[in-house]
Amino acid sequence: RGIPLVLPRAHDCITLLLGSKEAYDGLFAERPGTYYYSGGWVERGADKVPRTAEDGAGLDAPFEELVAKYGLDNAQYLWELQSSWVERYSHATYIDTGVGDPRPTQAYTESVAKEHGWVFENRPGELRILQDLLEGEWDESCFLVVPPGHEIVATVDERVVGTRPAR
């Protein structure tokens, strides 16, 4: 309770792997239909993590299970809905962080891109944020230091997160 908490000002891990929220913002503005992959993401099968019914209404169920539970017409609708996220993407970008052998996970990303008809791109990563976090270089533009007795709140600006006294 008496120790500050330090966290990167990032929406998600893509910012950490690209090296800055500005780099991520620039890529997102340039091509919002990009699904990002990294070695750790692929190795852990994170792009296939099963969701709970609360997360996605159980839409990751096999088609036969949907038919048994909801009937054929409803199952067909749910199956189409479950697959529609793919249509919102046009690119698969592999972020090569320089950690480990990227060839197997990069090849997997290429195969996903081909399967979905997406353009594949390989992009070098930048682990500066993670390095600065571990080395205690907590520049206020990149990190939030949460003082004891405060809670984290989302902001709707370039800071991403802020604090306020705990209620």
Protein backbone atom coordinates (compact mmCIF):
# COMPACT_ATOMS: atom_id res chain seq x y z
CA ARG A 1 0.00 0.00 0.00
CA GLY A 2 2.96 2.31 0.38
CA ILE A 3 4.71 1.51 -2.90
CA PRO A 4 3.91 3.32 -6.16
CA LEU A 5 2.79 1.34 -9.18
CA VAL A 6 4.40 2.07 -12.56
CA LEU A 7 2.72 1.21 -15.85
CA PRO A 8 3.29 2.12 -19.48
CA ARG A 9 0.90 4.58 -21.09
CA ALA A 10 -0.32 2.07 -23.66
CA HIS A 11 -3.67 0.84 -24.90
CA ASP A 12 -2.35 -2.69 -25.37
CA CYS A 13 0.77 -4.76 -26.02
CA ILE A 14 1.15 -3.51 -29.60
CA THR A 15 2.37 -0.17 -28.24
CA LEU A 16 4.93 -2.01 -26.10
CA LEU A 17 6.18 -4.05 -29.05
CA LEU A 18 6.37 -1.09 -31.47
CA GLY A 19 8.20 1.12 -28.98
CA SER A 20 5.77 4.01 -28.52
CA LYS A 21 2.14 4.97 -28.58
CA GLU A 22 3.00 7.43 -31.35
CA ALA A 23 4.31 4.60 -33.54
CA TYR A 24 1.14 2.60 -32.95
CA ASP A 25 -1.10 5.63 -33.53
CA GLY A 26 0.67 6.35 -36.82
CA LEU A 27 0.28 2.78 -38.06
CA PHE A 28 -3.34 2.64 -36.93
CA ALA A 29 -4.15 5.89 -38.75
CA GLU A 30 -2.37 4.65 -41.88
CA ARG A 31 -4.03 1.22 -41.90
CA PRO A 32 -6.69 0.56 -39.25
CA GLY A 33 -7.52 -2.89 -40.70
CA THR A 34 -4.35 -4.51 -39.41
CA TYR A 35 -4.21 -7.54 -37.13
CA TYR A 36 -0.88 -7.64 -35.27
CA TYR A 37 1.09 -10.76 -34.38
CA SER A 38 4.27 -11.32 -32.37
CA GLY A 39 6.31 -14.36 -31.46
CA GLY A 40 4.88 -14.57 -27.94
CA TRP A 41 1.32 -14.06 -29.16
CA VAL A 42 1.62 -16.87 -31.71
CA GLU A 43 3.62 -19.26 -29.50
CA ARG A 44 1.00 -19.09 -26.78
CA GLY A 45 -1.88 -19.49 -29.23
CA ALA A 46 -3.33 -16.19 -28.03
CA ASP A 47 -5.09 -15.64 -31.34
CA LYS A 48 -7.07 -18.81 -30.58
CA VAL A 49 -7.85 -18.24 -26.89
CA PRO A 50 -11.29 -19.69 -26.21
CA ARG A 51 -13.76 -17.11 -24.99
CA THR A 52 -16.40 -17.58 -22.36
CA ALA A 53 -20.07 -17.21 -23.16
CA GLU A 54 -19.93 -13.83 -21.42
CA ASP A 55 -17.12 -12.66 -23.73
CA GLY A 56 -18.72 -13.56 -27.03
CA ALA A 57 -22.03 -15.24 -26.37
CA GLY A 58 -20.34 -18.61 -26.85
CA LEU A 59 -19.76 -17.88 -30.53
CA ASP A 60 -16.52 -19.83 -30.61
CA ALA A 61 -18.52 -23.07 -30.41
CA PRO A 62 -18.45 -25.53 -33.31
CA PHE A 63 -21.25 -25.17 -35.85
CA GLU A 64 -22.87 -28.45 -34.82
CA GLU A 65 -23.06 -27.28 -31.21
CA LEU A 66 -24.70 -24.03 -32.30
CA VAL A 67 -27.28 -26.01 -34.31
CA ALA A 68 -28.05 -28.25 -31.34
CA LYS A 69 -28.42 -25.28 -29.02
CA TYR A 70 -30.15 -22.69 -31.26
CA GLY A 71 -31.53 -24.49 -34.32
CA LEU A 72 -30.25 -24.41 -37.91
CA ASP A 73 -31.38 -20.91 -38.95
CA ASN A 74 -30.06 -19.24 -35.81
CA ALA A 75 -26.86 -21.29 -35.95
CA GLN A 76 -26.19 -20.14 -39.51
CA TYR A 77 -26.67 -16.51 -38.46
CA LEU A 78 -24.40 -16.92 -35.42
CA TRP A 79 -21.77 -18.71 -37.53
CA GLU A 80 -21.69 -15.81 -39.99
CA LEU A 81 -21.52 -13.31 -37.13
CA GLN A 82 -18.69 -15.28 -35.53
CA SER A 83 -16.67 -15.15 -38.75
CA SER A 84 -17.43 -11.53 -39.68
CA TRP A 85 -14.51 -10.05 -37.72
CA VAL A 86 -12.16 -11.35 -40.43
CA GLU A 87 -13.77 -9.03 -42.97
CA ARG A 88 -12.78 -5.95 -40.94
CA TYR A 89 -9.08 -6.66 -41.52
CA SER A 90 -6.96 -6.35 -44.64
CA HIS A 91 -3.44 -6.89 -43.28
CA ALA A 92 -1.54 -9.17 -40.93
CA THR A 93 1.57 -7.54 -39.51
CA TYR A 94 4.21 -9.58 -37.75
CA ILE A 95 6.20 -7.53 -35.23
CA ASP A 96 9.71 -8.95 -35.04
CA THR A 97 11.07 -7.98 -31.61
CA GLY A 98 14.44 -9.62 -32.22
CA VAL A 99 13.81 -12.12 -29.44
CA GLY A 100 14.20 -15.75 -30.43
CA ASP A 101 13.91 -17.24 -33.89
CA PRO A 102 11.12 -15.40 -35.71
CA ARG A 103 10.87 -17.80 -38.65
CA PRO A 104 8.22 -20.23 -37.33
CA THR A 105 5.91 -17.57 -35.89
CA GLN A 106 6.42 -15.29 -38.87
CA ALA A 107 5.55 -18.18 -41.19
CA TYR A 108 2.41 -18.84 -39.15
CA THR A 109 1.39 -15.18 -39.51
CA GLU A 110 1.98 -15.36 -43.27
CA SER A 111 -0.25 -18.44 -43.45
CA VAL A 112 -3.04 -16.70 -41.54
CA ALA A 113 -2.79 -13.73 -43.89
CA LYS A 114 -3.01 -16.02 -46.91
CA GLU A 115 -5.94 -17.96 -45.44
CA HIS A 116 -7.93 -14.75 -44.89
CA GLY A 117 -6.83 -12.99 -48.07
CA TRP A 118 -4.91 -10.35 -46.11
CA VAL A 119 -1.67 -8.64 -47.09
CA PHE A 120 1.28 -9.84 -44.97
CA GLU A 121 3.81 -7.40 -43.59
CA ASN A 122 6.87 -7.91 -41.41
CA ARG A 123 7.76 -4.96 -39.18
CA PRO A 124 10.69 -4.60 -36.80
CA GLY A 125 9.75 -4.14 -33.18
CA GLU A 126 11.27 -1.79 -30.66
CA LEU A 127 11.45 -2.86 -27.00
CA ARG A 128 12.47 0.55 -25.61
CA ILE A 129 9.36 0.88 -23.42
CA LEU A 130 9.94 -2.48 -21.76
CA GLN A 131 13.63 -1.73 -21.30
CA ASP A 132 12.90 1.69 -19.77
CA LEU A 133 10.27 0.14 -17.49
CA LEU A 134 12.77 -2.40 -16.14
CA GLU A 135 15.60 0.13 -15.86
CA GLY A 136 13.50 2.67 -13.96
CA GLU A 137 13.57 5.29 -16.74
CA TRP A 138 9.96 6.41 -16.25
CA ASP A 139 9.49 9.46 -18.45
CA GLU A 140 6.04 10.90 -17.69
CA SER A 141 5.04 10.90 -21.37
CA CYS A 142 5.54 7.11 -21.55
CA PHE A 143 4.78 5.96 -18.01
CA LEU A 144 2.23 6.58 -15.30
CA VAL A 145 3.44 6.41 -11.72
CA VAL A 146 0.43 5.70 -9.52
CA PRO A 147 1.00 7.01 -6.02
CA PRO A 148 -0.19 5.01 -3.02
CA GLY A 149 -3.86 5.67 -2.28
CA HIS A 150 -4.73 6.44 -5.92
CA GLU A 151 -6.56 4.48 -8.59
CA ILE A 152 -6.00 4.24 -12.32
CA VAL A 153 -8.49 5.90 -14.67
CA ALA A 154 -8.72 5.89 -18.45
CA THR A 155 -8.28 9.23 -20.18
CA VAL A 156 -9.46 10.20 -23.62
CA ASP A 157 -6.28 11.96 -24.63
CA GLU A 158 -2.65 11.19 -25.46
CA ARG A 159 -1.91 10.26 -21.84
CA VAL A 160 -4.06 7.08 -22.17
CA VAL A 161 -4.28 6.65 -18.38
CA GLY A 162 -4.26 8.86 -15.32
CA THR A 163 -4.88 8.66 -11.60
CA ARG A 164 -7.25 10.00 -8.97
CA PRO A 165 -7.46 9.51 -5.25
CA ALA A 166 -9.10 6.17 -4.42
CA ARG A 167 -12.68 6.45 -3.30
